[in-house]
Amino acid sequence: MAMNRRDAIKSFALMMGGAMVGANVIFTGCTPEDQIVGLDFSPEQIAFLDEIGEAIIPTTDTPGAKAVGIGEFMVMMVKDTYNGDEQYAFISGLNALKKDFKAANSKDFMDATLEERTAFLNEMNKKASTSEDKEPKVIGMLKDLTILGYFTSEIGATQQLRFVEVPGRFDACIDYKKGDKVFAI
């Protein structure tokens, strides 16, 4: 018996304390009424989100966020679960990210190396965590969506985490060896 994606997302959001943007939809099952009408993302914007996700969870000995189609996942979550203010903050934050990256690096985000992208996002994350501004930060949204999408995907749950299909045998004591993967929910 496999867990469906909605149940996995609910479990993950509960585990994270329900702190992610759009969590109200996951818990209630209702779409926000004040969403932006006709919100759509181009293939270029989805590819941009894929590259941001890959900078957050890069490919190593396991596939990265891009391999799970993280851009499509982010679009689905923003369109289906974010309210109008959150959607506006996300879109304007992405536009600011593109503009700021180009100003700081004299090239587009899509033309940069993974190291340049990661360094920029890390700096952005540092600034967001020290800012007094109470508005949702796009970097937090991007990290939340990347982590949620990746670890609830088949690749994330089976190749990055140790997946044990439930119901299974109960083992009260399992030896931990340094470097073991965390169990998937």
Protein backbone atom coordinates (compact mmCIF):
# COMPACT_ATOMS: atom_id res chain seq x y z
CA MET A 1 0.00 0.00 0.00
CA ALA A 2 1.63 3.25 -1.14
CA MET A 3 1.07 6.68 0.39
CA ASN A 4 -0.37 9.20 -2.03
CA ARG A 5 1.40 12.50 -2.67
CA ARG A 6 -1.18 14.65 -0.79
CA ASP A 7 -0.79 12.53 2.37
CA ALA A 8 2.99 12.71 2.07
CA ILE A 9 2.89 16.49 1.72
CA LYS A 10 0.57 16.80 4.73
CA SER A 11 2.89 14.61 6.80
CA PHE A 12 5.94 16.58 5.71
CA ALA A 13 4.26 19.93 6.43
CA LEU A 14 3.21 18.72 9.88
CA MET A 15 6.75 17.52 10.53
CA MET A 16 8.06 20.98 9.60
CA GLY A 17 5.57 22.58 11.98
CA GLY A 18 3.28 23.79 9.24
CA ALA A 19 5.53 26.81 8.76
CA MET A 20 5.61 26.76 4.98
CA VAL A 21 3.71 29.30 2.92
CA GLY A 22 0.47 27.82 1.59
CA ALA A 23 0.26 25.29 4.43
CA ASN A 24 -3.31 26.41 5.18
CA VAL A 25 -4.42 24.80 1.91
CA ILE A 26 -2.70 21.53 2.71
CA PHE A 27 -4.37 21.36 6.12
CA THR A 28 -7.85 22.49 5.05
CA GLY A 29 -7.97 21.18 1.49
CA CYS A 30 -9.50 24.47 0.32
CA THR A 31 -8.07 26.67 -2.41
CA PRO A 32 -7.60 30.29 -1.33
CA GLU A 33 -10.30 32.57 -2.74
CA ASP A 34 -8.06 35.58 -3.36
CA GLN A 35 -5.67 34.10 -5.92
CA ILE A 36 -4.32 35.91 -8.99
CA VAL A 37 -6.62 35.06 -11.91
CA GLY A 38 -4.90 33.72 -15.04
CA LEU A 39 -1.54 33.18 -13.37
CA ASP A 40 0.62 31.22 -15.77
CA PHE A 41 4.33 30.44 -16.06
CA SER A 42 6.25 30.17 -19.32
CA PRO A 43 8.59 27.24 -20.09
CA GLU A 44 11.50 29.67 -19.56
CA GLN A 45 10.23 30.56 -16.07
CA ILE A 46 9.83 26.86 -15.22
CA ALA A 47 13.39 26.21 -16.43
CA PHE A 48 14.54 29.13 -14.22
CA LEU A 49 12.81 27.51 -11.22
CA ASP A 50 14.44 24.17 -12.11
CA GLU A 51 17.87 25.82 -12.00
CA ILE A 52 17.14 27.53 -8.67
CA GLY A 53 16.03 24.17 -7.26
CA GLU A 54 19.19 22.52 -8.60
CA ALA A 55 21.30 25.17 -6.83
CA ILE A 56 19.46 24.38 -3.57
CA ILE A 57 19.62 20.57 -3.94
CA PRO A 58 22.32 19.82 -6.53
CA THR A 59 23.04 16.53 -8.21
CA THR A 60 25.67 14.53 -6.33
CA ASP A 61 25.74 10.76 -6.10
CA THR A 62 21.93 11.07 -6.16
CA PRO A 63 19.82 13.11 -8.59
CA GLY A 64 19.20 16.75 -7.71
CA ALA A 65 16.03 18.84 -7.63
CA LYS A 66 16.04 19.41 -11.38
CA ALA A 67 15.68 15.65 -11.95
CA VAL A 68 12.34 15.59 -10.11
CA GLY A 69 10.90 18.46 -12.18
CA ILE A 70 11.00 20.89 -9.27
CA GLY A 71 10.03 23.85 -11.46
CA GLU A 72 6.71 22.23 -12.39
CA PHE A 73 6.12 21.34 -8.73
CA MET A 74 6.78 24.94 -7.61
CA VAL A 75 4.39 26.27 -10.25
CA MET A 76 1.67 23.85 -9.18
CA MET A 77 2.08 24.79 -5.51
CA VAL A 78 2.15 28.55 -6.17
CA LYS A 79 -0.90 28.38 -8.43
CA ASP A 80 -2.92 25.97 -6.27
CA THR A 81 -2.00 26.79 -2.68
CA TYR A 82 -0.73 30.36 -2.39
CA ASN A 83 -3.13 33.25 -1.84
CA GLY A 84 -2.91 36.37 -4.00
CA ASP A 85 -0.46 38.20 -1.71
CA GLU A 86 1.83 35.15 -1.52
CA GLN A 87 1.64 34.68 -5.30
CA TYR A 88 2.51 38.34 -5.86
CA ALA A 89 5.42 38.13 -3.37
CA PHE A 90 6.71 35.00 -5.13
CA ILE A 91 6.56 36.48 -8.64
CA SER A 92 7.98 39.87 -7.66
CA GLY A 93 10.68 38.10 -5.63
CA LEU A 94 11.69 36.01 -8.66
CA ASN A 95 11.85 39.13 -10.82
CA ALA A 96 14.00 40.88 -8.19
CA LEU A 97 16.24 37.80 -7.94
CA LYS A 98 16.86 37.86 -11.71
CA LYS A 99 17.57 41.60 -11.69
CA ASP A 100 19.81 41.49 -8.59
CA PHE A 101 21.78 38.51 -9.92
CA LYS A 102 22.45 40.28 -13.20
CA ALA A 103 23.51 43.47 -11.39
CA ALA A 104 25.86 41.55 -9.08
CA ASN A 105 27.36 39.17 -11.66
CA SER A 106 27.04 41.01 -15.01
CA LYS A 107 25.26 38.00 -16.53
CA ASP A 108 21.92 36.24 -16.40
CA PHE A 109 21.23 33.60 -13.77
CA MET A 110 20.72 31.00 -16.51
CA ASP A 111 24.21 31.72 -17.93
CA ALA A 112 25.98 31.38 -14.57
CA THR A 113 27.73 28.35 -13.11
CA LEU A 114 26.16 26.31 -10.34
CA GLU A 115 28.76 27.71 -7.93
CA GLU A 116 27.86 31.32 -8.82
CA ARG A 117 24.15 30.58 -8.44
CA THR A 118 24.65 28.86 -5.10
CA ALA A 119 26.85 31.67 -3.75
CA PHE A 120 24.24 34.26 -4.76
CA LEU A 121 21.36 32.30 -3.19
CA ASN A 122 23.37 31.76 0.01
CA GLU A 123 24.02 35.51 0.24
CA MET A 124 20.35 36.19 -0.43
CA ASN A 125 19.42 33.72 2.31
CA LYS A 126 21.79 35.41 4.76
CA LYS A 127 20.27 38.83 4.00
CA ALA A 128 16.70 37.50 4.36
CA SER A 129 17.44 35.93 7.76
CA THR A 130 18.84 39.19 9.18
CA SER A 131 16.23 41.54 7.67
CA GLU A 132 13.59 43.14 9.87
CA ASP A 133 11.09 43.10 7.00
CA LYS A 134 8.04 40.95 7.88
CA GLU A 135 6.97 40.19 4.28
CA PRO A 136 7.49 36.63 3.05
CA LYS A 137 10.92 36.22 1.54
CA VAL A 138 11.13 34.57 -1.87
CA ILE A 139 14.26 32.68 -0.81
CA GLY A 140 12.30 31.05 2.02
CA MET A 141 9.51 30.15 -0.38
CA LEU A 142 11.99 28.69 -2.87
CA LYS A 143 13.76 26.64 -0.19
CA ASP A 144 10.47 25.37 1.27
CA LEU A 145 9.10 24.40 -2.13
CA THR A 146 12.35 22.76 -3.22
CA ILE A 147 12.68 20.69 -0.07
CA LEU A 148 9.01 19.73 -0.04
CA GLY A 149 8.94 18.84 -3.74
CA TYR A 150 12.20 16.93 -3.68
CA PHE A 151 11.65 14.82 -0.58
CA THR A 152 8.05 13.95 -1.49
CA SER A 153 9.07 12.87 -4.98
CA GLU A 154 9.86 9.26 -5.83
CA ILE A 155 13.52 10.09 -6.42
CA GLY A 156 13.89 12.01 -3.15
CA ALA A 157 12.07 9.42 -1.07
CA THR A 158 13.75 6.36 -2.55
CA GLN A 159 17.24 7.49 -3.60
CA GLN A 160 18.06 10.27 -1.13
CA LEU A 161 16.23 8.82 1.87
CA ARG A 162 15.87 5.24 3.04
CA PHE A 163 12.40 4.18 1.98
CA VAL A 164 10.67 1.33 3.77
CA GLU A 165 7.20 0.63 2.49
CA VAL A 166 4.54 0.62 5.20
CA PRO A 167 3.13 -1.54 6.63
CA GLY A 168 6.33 -3.25 7.41
CA ARG A 169 8.04 -4.98 10.26
CA PHE A 170 8.52 -2.96 13.46
CA ASP A 171 12.08 -2.84 14.74
CA ALA A 172 12.30 -1.00 18.06
CA CYS A 173 16.06 -0.66 17.97
CA ILE A 174 17.94 -0.08 14.74
CA ASP A 175 21.68 0.46 14.85
CA TYR A 176 22.83 3.73 13.35
CA LYS A 177 25.99 3.81 11.34
CA LYS A 178 27.62 7.17 10.63
CA GLY A 179 26.60 8.28 7.14
CA ASP A 180 23.33 6.29 7.04
CA LYS A 181 20.48 7.95 5.17
CA VAL A 182 17.49 9.28 7.11
CA PHE A 183 14.29 7.26 6.79
CA ALA A 184 11.55 8.61 4.51
CA ILE A 185 8.16 9.23 6.06
